[in-house]
N, C-alpha and C. Protein backbone atom coordinates (compact mmCIF):
# COMPACT_ATOMS: atom_id res chain seq x y z
N MET A 1 135.44 34.37 76.36
CA MET A 1 136.37 35.39 76.81
C MET A 1 136.47 35.37 78.33
N ALA A 2 137.62 35.50 78.79
CA ALA A 2 137.85 35.51 80.22
C ALA A 2 138.05 36.95 80.69
N ILE A 3 137.45 37.27 81.86
CA ILE A 3 137.59 38.60 82.43
C ILE A 3 138.71 38.55 83.46
N GLU A 4 139.69 39.38 83.29
CA GLU A 4 140.81 39.39 84.21
C GLU A 4 140.50 40.33 85.37
N LEU A 5 140.90 39.95 86.57
CA LEU A 5 140.71 40.81 87.74
C LEU A 5 141.61 42.02 87.64
N GLY A 6 141.15 43.13 88.10
CA GLY A 6 141.94 44.35 88.08
C GLY A 6 141.76 45.17 86.82
N LYS A 7 141.09 44.66 85.86
CA LYS A 7 140.85 45.42 84.64
C LYS A 7 139.37 45.72 84.56
N LEU A 8 139.05 46.90 84.21
CA LEU A 8 137.66 47.30 84.09
C LEU A 8 137.28 47.40 82.63
N LYS A 9 136.04 47.06 82.39
CA LYS A 9 135.54 47.26 81.04
C LYS A 9 135.31 48.74 80.84
N THR A 10 135.32 49.16 79.66
CA THR A 10 135.14 50.57 79.33
C THR A 10 133.79 51.07 79.81
N ALA A 11 132.75 50.26 79.83
CA ALA A 11 131.41 50.68 80.22
C ALA A 11 131.28 50.84 81.73
N THR A 12 132.02 50.09 82.56
CA THR A 12 131.88 50.18 84.01
C THR A 12 132.79 51.22 84.64
N GLY A 13 133.84 51.61 84.01
CA GLY A 13 134.79 52.58 84.56
C GLY A 13 134.16 53.91 84.94
N PRO A 14 133.41 54.56 84.05
CA PRO A 14 132.80 55.85 84.42
C PRO A 14 131.76 55.72 85.52
N TRP A 15 131.00 54.63 85.56
CA TRP A 15 130.00 54.45 86.61
C TRP A 15 130.67 54.27 87.97
N LEU A 16 131.74 53.55 88.02
CA LEU A 16 132.47 53.36 89.27
C LEU A 16 133.05 54.68 89.76
N ALA A 17 133.60 55.44 88.87
CA ALA A 17 134.15 56.76 89.24
C ALA A 17 133.04 57.68 89.74
N ALA A 18 131.88 57.67 89.08
CA ALA A 18 130.75 58.50 89.51
C ALA A 18 130.27 58.07 90.88
N ALA A 19 130.20 56.78 91.14
CA ALA A 19 129.75 56.28 92.44
C ALA A 19 130.71 56.71 93.55
N ILE A 20 132.00 56.65 93.29
CA ILE A 20 132.99 57.06 94.29
C ILE A 20 132.87 58.55 94.57
N ILE A 21 132.66 59.34 93.55
CA ILE A 21 132.51 60.79 93.73
C ILE A 21 131.24 61.11 94.52
N VAL A 22 130.13 60.42 94.21
CA VAL A 22 128.86 60.67 94.92
C VAL A 22 129.00 60.28 96.39
N VAL A 23 129.55 59.11 96.67
CA VAL A 23 129.72 58.68 98.06
C VAL A 23 130.67 59.61 98.80
N GLY A 24 131.76 60.01 98.15
CA GLY A 24 132.69 60.95 98.77
C GLY A 24 132.04 62.29 99.06
N GLY A 25 131.24 62.78 98.13
CA GLY A 25 130.52 64.04 98.33
C GLY A 25 129.53 63.94 99.48
N PHE A 26 128.82 62.83 99.57
CA PHE A 26 127.87 62.61 100.66
C PHE A 26 128.59 62.57 102.00
N MET A 27 129.72 61.90 102.09
CA MET A 27 130.48 61.83 103.33
C MET A 27 131.00 63.22 103.73
N TYR A 28 131.44 64.02 102.77
CA TYR A 28 131.88 65.37 103.06
C TYR A 28 130.72 66.22 103.57
N TRP A 29 129.55 66.07 102.96
CA TRP A 29 128.37 66.82 103.40
C TRP A 29 128.02 66.45 104.84
N LEU A 30 128.06 65.16 105.18
CA LEU A 30 127.79 64.74 106.56
C LEU A 30 128.80 65.35 107.52
N TYR A 31 130.05 65.34 107.16
CA TYR A 31 131.10 65.91 107.99
C TYR A 31 130.87 67.41 108.20
N ALA A 32 130.60 68.13 107.13
CA ALA A 32 130.42 69.58 107.21
C ALA A 32 129.17 69.93 108.01
N SER A 33 128.10 69.20 107.82
CA SER A 33 126.86 69.53 108.52
C SER A 33 126.93 69.17 110.00
N SER A 34 127.77 68.22 110.38
CA SER A 34 127.89 67.86 111.79
C SER A 34 128.56 68.97 112.60
N HIS A 35 129.33 69.83 111.97
CA HIS A 35 129.98 70.94 112.67
C HIS A 35 129.07 72.13 112.83
N ARG A 36 127.92 72.13 112.17
CA ARG A 36 127.00 73.26 112.27
C ARG A 36 125.85 72.98 113.23
N VAL A 37 125.87 71.88 113.95
CA VAL A 37 124.79 71.53 114.85
C VAL A 37 124.78 72.53 116.00
N ASP A 38 123.62 73.12 116.24
CA ASP A 38 123.46 74.09 117.30
C ASP A 38 123.24 73.35 118.61
N THR A 39 124.01 73.67 119.62
CA THR A 39 123.88 72.99 120.90
C THR A 39 122.69 73.50 121.70
N GLY A 40 122.12 74.64 121.32
CA GLY A 40 120.98 75.17 122.03
C GLY A 40 121.37 76.03 123.22
N LEU A 41 122.64 76.15 123.53
CA LEU A 41 123.06 76.95 124.66
C LEU A 41 123.25 78.39 124.23
N VAL A 42 122.72 79.28 125.03
CA VAL A 42 122.91 80.70 124.79
C VAL A 42 123.71 81.22 125.96
N VAL A 43 124.92 81.61 125.70
CA VAL A 43 125.83 82.02 126.76
C VAL A 43 126.10 83.51 126.61
N ALA A 44 126.22 84.18 127.73
CA ALA A 44 126.50 85.62 127.69
C ALA A 44 127.82 85.87 126.98
N ASP A 45 127.89 86.97 126.30
CA ASP A 45 129.06 87.31 125.50
C ASP A 45 130.16 87.90 126.35
N THR A 46 130.63 87.16 127.32
CA THR A 46 131.69 87.68 128.17
C THR A 46 133.03 87.62 127.48
N VAL A 47 133.19 86.72 126.51
CA VAL A 47 134.45 86.61 125.79
C VAL A 47 134.51 87.64 124.67
N ILE A 48 133.38 87.82 123.98
CA ILE A 48 133.33 88.79 122.91
C ILE A 48 133.39 90.19 123.51
N GLU A 49 134.06 91.07 122.84
CA GLU A 49 134.22 92.42 123.35
C GLU A 49 132.91 93.21 123.26
N LEU A 50 132.15 93.17 124.31
CA LEU A 50 130.95 93.98 124.46
C LEU A 50 131.25 95.04 125.49
N PRO A 51 130.69 96.22 125.32
CA PRO A 51 130.90 97.23 126.37
C PRO A 51 130.22 96.78 127.66
N ARG A 52 131.02 96.56 128.69
CA ARG A 52 130.48 96.17 129.99
C ARG A 52 130.14 97.44 130.75
N VAL A 53 128.89 97.57 131.10
CA VAL A 53 128.40 98.79 131.72
C VAL A 53 128.28 98.57 133.22
N ALA A 54 128.77 99.52 133.97
CA ALA A 54 128.64 99.46 135.43
C ALA A 54 127.18 99.65 135.79
N ASP A 55 126.73 98.91 136.78
CA ASP A 55 125.32 98.99 137.16
C ASP A 55 124.92 100.38 137.63
N THR A 56 125.84 101.12 138.24
CA THR A 56 125.51 102.49 138.67
C THR A 56 125.29 103.42 137.48
N ALA A 57 126.09 103.25 136.42
CA ALA A 57 125.91 104.06 135.21
C ALA A 57 124.61 103.69 134.52
N PHE A 58 124.28 102.41 134.52
CA PHE A 58 123.04 101.96 133.90
C PHE A 58 121.83 102.51 134.64
N VAL A 59 121.85 102.44 135.96
CA VAL A 59 120.72 102.90 136.77
C VAL A 59 120.52 104.41 136.62
N ALA A 60 121.60 105.16 136.49
CA ALA A 60 121.50 106.61 136.38
C ALA A 60 120.65 107.02 135.18
N ASN A 61 120.79 106.32 134.05
CA ASN A 61 120.01 106.66 132.86
C ASN A 61 120.03 105.48 131.87
N PRO A 62 119.11 104.54 132.01
CA PRO A 62 119.09 103.40 131.09
C PRO A 62 118.87 103.80 129.63
N GLU A 63 118.16 104.93 129.39
CA GLU A 63 117.88 105.36 128.02
C GLU A 63 119.14 105.67 127.22
N GLN A 64 120.23 106.05 127.90
CA GLN A 64 121.45 106.38 127.18
C GLN A 64 122.06 105.18 126.46
N PHE A 65 121.64 103.98 126.84
CA PHE A 65 122.15 102.77 126.20
C PHE A 65 121.19 102.21 125.16
N SER A 66 120.17 102.97 124.84
CA SER A 66 119.19 102.54 123.84
C SER A 66 119.86 102.38 122.48
N GLY A 67 119.56 101.29 121.81
CA GLY A 67 120.12 101.03 120.49
C GLY A 67 121.54 100.52 120.50
N GLU A 68 122.06 100.20 121.67
CA GLU A 68 123.43 99.75 121.82
C GLU A 68 123.41 98.41 122.55
N ARG A 69 124.16 97.44 122.07
CA ARG A 69 124.23 96.13 122.73
C ARG A 69 125.29 96.20 123.81
N ILE A 70 124.89 95.88 125.05
CA ILE A 70 125.79 96.01 126.19
C ILE A 70 125.76 94.74 127.04
N LEU A 71 126.69 94.67 127.97
CA LEU A 71 126.77 93.56 128.91
C LEU A 71 126.62 94.11 130.32
N LEU A 72 125.69 93.53 131.07
CA LEU A 72 125.52 93.86 132.48
C LEU A 72 125.88 92.63 133.30
N ALA A 73 126.79 92.78 134.22
CA ALA A 73 127.16 91.65 135.07
C ALA A 73 127.81 92.17 136.34
N PRO A 74 127.46 91.67 137.46
CA PRO A 74 126.36 90.75 137.71
C PRO A 74 125.08 91.49 138.01
N VAL A 75 123.97 90.88 137.68
CA VAL A 75 122.66 91.36 138.09
C VAL A 75 122.00 90.23 138.87
N THR A 76 121.26 90.58 139.90
CA THR A 76 120.61 89.58 140.74
C THR A 76 119.13 89.52 140.40
N VAL A 77 118.63 88.32 140.17
CA VAL A 77 117.22 88.13 139.84
C VAL A 77 116.37 88.37 141.08
N ALA A 78 115.42 89.30 140.97
CA ALA A 78 114.50 89.57 142.07
C ALA A 78 113.30 88.63 142.00
N ASP A 79 112.73 88.47 140.79
CA ASP A 79 111.54 87.64 140.63
C ASP A 79 111.40 87.22 139.17
N THR A 80 110.79 86.08 138.96
CA THR A 80 110.45 85.64 137.61
C THR A 80 108.95 85.85 137.46
N LEU A 81 108.56 86.61 136.45
CA LEU A 81 107.15 86.99 136.28
C LEU A 81 106.42 86.12 135.26
N GLY A 82 107.09 85.18 134.69
CA GLY A 82 106.47 84.32 133.69
C GLY A 82 107.55 83.63 132.88
N VAL A 83 107.15 83.17 131.70
CA VAL A 83 108.05 82.40 130.85
C VAL A 83 109.23 83.24 130.38
N ALA A 84 108.99 84.48 130.03
CA ALA A 84 110.03 85.27 129.37
C ALA A 84 110.34 86.59 130.06
N THR A 85 109.87 86.79 131.27
CA THR A 85 110.07 88.07 131.94
C THR A 85 110.59 87.84 133.35
N LEU A 86 111.57 88.63 133.71
CA LEU A 86 112.07 88.61 135.07
C LEU A 86 112.42 90.02 135.49
N THR A 87 112.53 90.21 136.77
CA THR A 87 112.96 91.51 137.29
C THR A 87 114.27 91.30 138.02
N VAL A 88 115.12 92.33 137.99
CA VAL A 88 116.42 92.24 138.63
C VAL A 88 116.60 93.39 139.62
N VAL A 89 117.51 93.16 140.54
CA VAL A 89 117.84 94.18 141.53
C VAL A 89 119.13 94.86 141.09
N LEU A 90 119.04 96.16 140.93
CA LEU A 90 120.20 96.99 140.64
C LEU A 90 120.28 98.04 141.75
N PRO A 91 121.43 98.66 141.96
CA PRO A 91 121.53 99.66 143.02
C PRO A 91 120.49 100.77 142.83
N ASP A 92 119.72 101.02 143.84
CA ASP A 92 118.68 102.05 143.84
C ASP A 92 117.60 101.83 142.78
N LEU A 93 117.48 100.61 142.27
CA LEU A 93 116.47 100.31 141.25
C LEU A 93 116.07 98.84 141.36
N ALA A 94 115.15 98.59 142.29
CA ALA A 94 114.70 97.21 142.50
C ALA A 94 113.58 96.89 141.52
N GLY A 95 113.62 95.70 140.98
CA GLY A 95 112.54 95.24 140.11
C GLY A 95 112.62 95.72 138.68
N TYR A 96 113.82 96.02 138.17
CA TYR A 96 113.94 96.48 136.78
C TYR A 96 113.59 95.33 135.84
N PRO A 97 112.72 95.58 134.84
CA PRO A 97 112.25 94.49 133.97
C PRO A 97 113.26 94.08 132.90
N MET A 98 113.37 92.78 132.73
CA MET A 98 114.18 92.19 131.66
C MET A 98 113.29 91.16 130.95
N ILE A 99 113.27 91.25 129.63
CA ILE A 99 112.47 90.32 128.82
C ILE A 99 113.45 89.49 128.00
N LEU A 100 113.23 88.19 127.99
CA LEU A 100 114.12 87.26 127.31
C LEU A 100 113.68 87.06 125.87
N GLU A 101 114.66 87.05 124.96
CA GLU A 101 114.37 86.77 123.56
C GLU A 101 114.04 85.29 123.40
N ARG A 102 113.43 84.94 122.28
CA ARG A 102 113.01 83.57 122.02
C ARG A 102 114.18 82.58 122.11
N SER A 103 115.34 82.94 121.57
CA SER A 103 116.49 82.02 121.60
C SER A 103 116.92 81.70 123.02
N VAL A 104 116.79 82.65 123.93
CA VAL A 104 117.15 82.42 125.33
C VAL A 104 116.12 81.51 125.98
N ILE A 105 114.85 81.72 125.66
CA ILE A 105 113.78 80.88 126.21
C ILE A 105 113.94 79.45 125.73
N GLU A 106 114.22 79.29 124.44
CA GLU A 106 114.35 77.95 123.86
C GLU A 106 115.58 77.21 124.37
N SER A 107 116.55 77.92 124.90
CA SER A 107 117.74 77.26 125.43
C SER A 107 117.45 76.57 126.76
N GLU A 108 116.32 76.88 127.36
CA GLU A 108 115.85 76.26 128.60
C GLU A 108 116.82 76.43 129.77
N ILE A 109 117.48 77.58 129.83
CA ILE A 109 118.32 77.90 130.97
C ILE A 109 117.40 78.24 132.14
N THR A 110 117.61 77.62 133.26
CA THR A 110 116.76 77.84 134.43
C THR A 110 117.27 79.04 135.22
N VAL A 111 116.35 79.96 135.50
CA VAL A 111 116.67 81.16 136.26
C VAL A 111 115.71 81.23 137.44
N ALA A 112 116.26 81.47 138.62
CA ALA A 112 115.44 81.54 139.84
C ALA A 112 115.77 82.82 140.60
N PRO A 113 114.84 83.28 141.42
CA PRO A 113 115.14 84.46 142.24
C PRO A 113 116.39 84.24 143.08
N GLY A 114 117.25 85.27 143.11
CA GLY A 114 118.50 85.20 143.85
C GLY A 114 119.69 84.83 142.99
N ASP A 115 119.47 84.35 141.77
CA ASP A 115 120.57 83.99 140.87
C ASP A 115 121.31 85.24 140.42
N ALA A 116 122.62 85.14 140.32
CA ALA A 116 123.44 86.21 139.76
C ALA A 116 123.68 85.87 138.29
N LEU A 117 123.39 86.82 137.40
CA LEU A 117 123.49 86.59 135.97
C LEU A 117 124.39 87.60 135.29
N ALA A 118 124.96 87.17 134.18
CA ALA A 118 125.61 88.07 133.22
C ALA A 118 124.67 88.10 132.03
N VAL A 119 124.16 89.28 131.69
CA VAL A 119 123.19 89.40 130.60
C VAL A 119 123.71 90.34 129.52
N ALA A 120 123.45 89.98 128.29
CA ALA A 120 123.80 90.83 127.15
C ALA A 120 122.52 91.15 126.41
N GLY A 121 122.41 92.38 125.93
CA GLY A 121 121.21 92.78 125.20
C GLY A 121 121.16 94.28 124.99
N SER A 122 119.94 94.78 124.80
CA SER A 122 119.74 96.19 124.50
C SER A 122 118.57 96.75 125.30
N VAL A 123 118.57 98.05 125.46
CA VAL A 123 117.51 98.76 126.17
C VAL A 123 116.48 99.26 125.17
N TYR A 124 115.20 99.08 125.49
CA TYR A 124 114.11 99.56 124.65
C TYR A 124 113.06 100.27 125.50
N ALA A 125 112.26 101.10 124.85
CA ALA A 125 111.18 101.80 125.55
C ALA A 125 110.08 100.82 125.91
N LEU A 126 109.51 100.98 127.09
CA LEU A 126 108.44 100.13 127.57
C LEU A 126 107.14 100.94 127.57
N THR A 127 106.21 100.55 126.73
CA THR A 127 104.94 101.26 126.61
C THR A 127 103.79 100.34 127.03
N ASP A 128 102.62 100.95 127.24
CA ASP A 128 101.44 100.17 127.59
C ASP A 128 101.04 99.20 126.48
N SER A 129 101.15 99.65 125.23
CA SER A 129 100.79 98.77 124.12
C SER A 129 101.75 97.58 124.03
N LEU A 130 103.01 97.81 124.33
CA LEU A 130 103.97 96.71 124.33
C LEU A 130 103.66 95.73 125.46
N LEU A 131 103.29 96.25 126.61
CA LEU A 131 102.89 95.38 127.72
C LEU A 131 101.67 94.55 127.35
N ASP A 132 100.72 95.15 126.63
CA ASP A 132 99.54 94.41 126.18
C ASP A 132 99.93 93.25 125.27
N VAL A 133 100.83 93.51 124.34
CA VAL A 133 101.27 92.46 123.42
C VAL A 133 101.98 91.35 124.18
N TYR A 134 102.83 91.70 125.13
CA TYR A 134 103.57 90.69 125.87
C TYR A 134 102.66 89.86 126.77
N VAL A 135 101.59 90.47 127.29
CA VAL A 135 100.62 89.70 128.07
C VAL A 135 99.89 88.72 127.16
N GLN A 136 99.47 89.18 125.96
CA GLN A 136 98.77 88.31 125.02
C GLN A 136 99.64 87.15 124.57
N ARG A 137 100.92 87.38 124.42
CA ARG A 137 101.83 86.31 123.98
C ARG A 137 102.26 85.40 125.13
N GLY A 138 101.87 85.74 126.35
CA GLY A 138 102.18 84.90 127.50
C GLY A 138 103.59 85.06 128.03
N PHE A 139 104.21 86.20 127.76
CA PHE A 139 105.57 86.42 128.25
C PHE A 139 105.61 86.58 129.76
N PHE A 140 104.56 87.12 130.33
CA PHE A 140 104.47 87.22 131.77
C PHE A 140 103.02 87.10 132.20
N ARG A 141 102.83 86.82 133.48
CA ARG A 141 101.48 86.63 134.02
C ARG A 141 100.75 87.98 134.07
N PRO A 142 99.48 88.01 133.68
CA PRO A 142 98.73 89.28 133.68
C PRO A 142 98.72 89.98 135.04
N GLU A 143 98.70 89.21 136.12
CA GLU A 143 98.69 89.83 137.45
C GLU A 143 100.03 90.50 137.79
N SER A 144 101.07 90.21 137.02
CA SER A 144 102.38 90.83 137.24
C SER A 144 102.55 92.14 136.49
N ARG A 145 101.57 92.51 135.69
CA ARG A 145 101.68 93.72 134.88
C ARG A 145 101.87 94.97 135.73
N ALA A 146 101.21 95.03 136.85
CA ALA A 146 101.29 96.22 137.71
C ALA A 146 102.72 96.49 138.17
N SER A 147 103.52 95.43 138.35
CA SER A 147 104.90 95.63 138.80
C SER A 147 105.80 96.17 137.70
N LEU A 148 105.34 96.12 136.45
CA LEU A 148 106.14 96.61 135.32
C LEU A 148 105.72 97.99 134.83
N GLU A 149 104.56 98.47 135.23
CA GLU A 149 104.01 99.70 134.66
C GLU A 149 104.76 100.97 135.05
N GLY A 150 105.53 100.97 136.11
CA GLY A 150 106.23 102.18 136.51
C GLY A 150 107.51 102.46 135.73
N TYR A 151 107.91 101.56 134.89
CA TYR A 151 109.18 101.70 134.17
C TYR A 151 108.96 102.20 132.75
N THR A 152 109.89 103.02 132.27
CA THR A 152 109.80 103.55 130.91
C THR A 152 110.67 102.78 129.93
N THR A 153 111.58 101.94 130.46
CA THR A 153 112.46 101.13 129.62
C THR A 153 112.49 99.70 130.16
N PHE A 154 112.97 98.79 129.31
CA PHE A 154 113.25 97.43 129.74
C PHE A 154 114.50 96.96 129.01
N PHE A 155 115.08 95.89 129.50
CA PHE A 155 116.29 95.32 128.91
C PHE A 155 115.89 94.04 128.19
N LEU A 156 116.12 94.00 126.87
CA LEU A 156 115.82 92.81 126.08
C LEU A 156 117.07 91.94 126.07
N VAL A 157 117.00 90.80 126.73
CA VAL A 157 118.15 89.91 126.91
C VAL A 157 118.26 88.98 125.70
N ASP A 158 119.38 89.07 124.98
CA ASP A 158 119.58 88.16 123.86
C ASP A 158 120.53 87.02 124.20
N SER A 159 121.24 87.11 125.32
CA SER A 159 122.03 85.99 125.82
C SER A 159 122.28 86.20 127.31
N LEU A 160 122.39 85.08 128.01
CA LEU A 160 122.64 85.17 129.45
C LEU A 160 123.41 83.94 129.90
N ASP A 161 124.02 84.10 131.05
CA ASP A 161 124.72 83.00 131.68
C ASP A 161 124.72 83.27 133.18
N HIS A 162 124.83 82.21 133.95
CA HIS A 162 124.95 82.40 135.39
C HIS A 162 126.32 83.00 135.67
N TYR A 163 126.35 83.99 136.52
CA TYR A 163 127.57 84.74 136.81
C TYR A 163 128.28 84.08 137.98
N ALA A 164 129.54 83.80 137.80
CA ALA A 164 130.36 83.25 138.88
C ALA A 164 131.61 84.10 138.98
N GLU A 165 131.76 84.80 140.10
CA GLU A 165 132.95 85.62 140.30
C GLU A 165 134.13 84.72 140.55
N GLU A 166 135.26 85.07 139.95
CA GLU A 166 136.47 84.28 140.19
C GLU A 166 136.96 84.55 141.59
N ASP A 167 137.38 83.50 142.24
CA ASP A 167 137.89 83.63 143.60
C ASP A 167 139.31 84.19 143.54
N THR A 168 139.45 85.42 144.01
CA THR A 168 140.75 86.08 143.94
C THR A 168 141.47 86.08 145.28
N THR A 169 140.84 85.48 146.29
CA THR A 169 141.50 85.45 147.60
C THR A 169 142.57 84.38 147.60
N THR A 170 143.62 84.64 148.31
CA THR A 170 144.69 83.66 148.44
C THR A 170 144.85 83.32 149.90
N THR A 171 145.17 82.10 150.15
CA THR A 171 145.39 81.70 151.53
C THR A 171 146.87 81.73 151.82
N ALA A 172 147.22 82.37 152.90
CA ALA A 172 148.63 82.48 153.28
C ALA A 172 148.97 81.32 154.19
N GLU A 173 150.09 80.68 153.90
CA GLU A 173 150.53 79.59 154.75
C GLU A 173 151.31 80.16 155.91
N SER A 174 151.03 79.64 157.08
CA SER A 174 151.75 80.14 158.25
C SER A 174 153.00 79.30 158.46
N GLY A 175 154.09 79.96 158.66
CA GLY A 175 155.35 79.25 158.87
C GLY A 175 155.73 79.29 160.34
N SER A 176 156.37 78.24 160.82
CA SER A 176 156.78 78.26 162.23
C SER A 176 158.26 78.25 162.37
């Protein structure tokens, strides 16, 4: 018996169809999973509608924003106290503590004193027991604890970005 090209035997037809479906499914899975790759960047939610709080309103009473996710921008970094803790300068409130969430730390965004940041997060009560836990976990250096003890609240940062003000000045051309 001669086998003609282009014709399949009854026994091979279903296996070929199954192989095509499996390979097609695998390729679709690769395509779909490639779009879910996390880039590791944590960017402040300046595009998403978050209530942007004026620094003067925040300084007047940080507790009023407890339990609410807000955006503060710009804040200037006063000092970095360790891996996950920094202090910022706000009007009439120098050295306000901000603690970074794990996702922000893992993003490896470099923050240095003097940097202007846009930060999103929530306000929480700062207690001695919480400071003890954060020292044990290595969030900040033990010798820096004294600079945090005077505050009753802290800002837990869940996303941040370096703040860059848009240049709104225009240059006028002089005509002669």
